[in-house]
Structure formats: C-alpha cells, structure tokens
Amino acid sequence: QLSEDVERVSENQTDEREGEMEVHEDASSVILPDGELGTTTPSLRFSKTCLKNVFSVILLFMYLLLMAVAVFLVYQTISDFREKLKHPVMSVTYKEVSLYDAPGIAFYPGKARLLSCKHHYYDHIPPLINPGQPGDIECTTQRINYTDPFTNQTMKYALVVQGPRDVKKKELVFLQFHLNETDQDFSAIDYLLFSSFQEFVNSPEKPKFMKDCESSYSSWKFSGGFRTWVKMSLVKTKEEDGSETVEFKQETSVVNYIDQRTKPRSDQLFFVVFEWKDPFIQTVQDIITANPWNMIALLCGIFLALFKAADFAKLSVKWMIKIRKRHLKRSRQVISHIS
C-alpha cells in the first residue's frame, strides 16, 4: 500500500509536470514549426518503457519457473516421506558385556547318557582320562518331561544344562555323552538354545516353558564320533510393538575324535563344547529415517517462497498495467497536442 501511495504521488507530480510542459509547448507552438514538435522525447520514453516491459515479463517468467520448481519439490518431499514410512531401515548396534546371562542348553539325548560335564576357561580342555566312562558332572542340570508342542501326543525328554557366562575368561562347557547301541544309520543328538537358564529355573510351569522355547527357537544336531565346537552369539530384535525377541547365531566346527580305547567298541561317544563367540550383544531394530520436523520445515520454506513469488508476480502485473496506462495516456496527450 505504501508503494502504491508513493506511485500515486509520483503520478500526480508527473501529471503536474506534463501540464506545465503542455503550457510551455503551447507557448512555444506559436514559434516552432509543426515538424519539430515532440519527435525526440516520446521515442526515448517509448524505448525505456519497452525495455521495462520486457524486463518485467522476463522476471515474471523466471518466478513462474521458480514456482513450478517449488511445487515439484513439495510433491517430491511428500512422496519421499511416504516411501520412507513404508520402508524403514534396519539398524544394528553392538553392546559389549563382560558377563552374559547364562543361556540354557536343552539336549534331547534319547537313549544316550551324559557321562561328564565341566566348565573350563581360556579355551583349555585337558585330555580325557577315561573316555567312555562316567566322570564328574560339575554343571547345573535339570531333567524334564513335556509333551511335544507340535503333536501334543508324544512325550519328550530333555536334559537342560546351564551354559557359559564369563566371556572375558573364555568360559566354555564341555560335555560327553555315551550311546551304547542305536537302530539308526546315523547317530546324532538334538539340542536347543534359549536365552536364560535362570528364567527356566524360576518358571512355575517348566513344561510349558520348554514347549514355548521349542516352538520359538531352532534346534541343531551334533554327531557321534566327533568333537563339535559351538561358538554362540546373541541377537536381540526389537519389534514395532516394543517387544523384544532373542535368538542365537552359532558357528560350528567339527573335529574327528580318534578313539584310542584298546578294545574295539560298537558304542558311540559324543563330545560337544559350547562357548561365546565374542562379548558383543547384537541389537537389531527398524528405524524410520524420515524426520517429520525436517519435512515440515522444508515445506514451510517452499510455501513461503511460493507466496513471495505469487506476491511478486501480482505486483509485477500491476506495475506493467500502470506502465501501460501511463504510456497510453502520454500517447493520447501527444496526439491531442499535435492535433
């Protein structure tokens, strides 16, 4: 409004000046011939007005182009935000610990019998003195029977052993099983890992606890006649609803066991070692990289630019209309003066 008032004042001043010029031209028209009236000044004014109009049109098109780019950026920003909401990114973090919560190792030996179980440190396993003979069982073990969670008819027998805890001392659990005879071509023992042995001990319904573990975790096997070395790593996954699931990843290496017993035997010996791979607990969760506040700030900036561009375009059009009116007014004045 201030700029329009200034333009009105300037128009009034120019009109007064034009009136004075007309008076002077009327006075001088008596002296000057008709061919020399207003030949230089109107052409110069017309060239300046034409340049201003061309420049205004160029600016108008530039701002229209900027408005189109801003609209495209708005659309692209909203599309990217919706796409990131649909496809979150998996984030993996590692937490170092000195002591793990002792895991539970559930064995399904069948007809096999546990001969010995010991905790060793610094990866040092002394040689067996009497392989195949009962030895010391220094591990915390519990035996439990429960129904198969998949059939609900057959009974399953599980031997649950407390796993290693101290990862800095490289604590490991070494177990030896013995199977006298088997009716299968391949002899193996199934085992299952779950996250906390203490939760199993404190559980009021241990059969239900084992059924839930068997339906949630994967089971593995280790064969007879070999020493199987299992290195475990713990992976925690945070779900969208805030719950947390735990699973194990393991690396297994198998070494042939040389049976040095004097008499040939038809029985099978099983040796298995459980150890933590590293002191890092891996936590996996899905995160959304789209930040709504950044998008809102970007959209505000784009809309502000759009409004400023629209305002400038409106003022430019008004200015061009005023310039055109002035030019037509001056042309009419010159024509009327000449006539």
Foldseek 3Di string as FASTA:
>chain_A
DVVVVVVVVVVVVVVVVVVVVLVVCVVCPVPDDLVPPPPPVLVVVVVVLVVLLVVLVVLLVVLVVLLVVLVVVLVVLVVVQVVLVVPFDKDKDKDFDQWAAWKKKKKQQPQKDWQEKDKDFPPDDDDDDDPPHHDYHPWDKDKDKAAALVPRPDITIIIITTAGIGQVRFIKMKIKMKFQDDPDPWDKMKMFIDRHPVCCVPDPDNRVVVNVRPVPADMDIFGWQKEKEKAKAKEWEQDPVGDIDIYIDIDIDIGGDDDPDDDDGPMTMYMYMYTYPHRIHMYMYTDRPDDVVVSVVSSVVSVVSSVVSVVSSVVSVVVSVVSVVVSVVVVVVSVVSSD
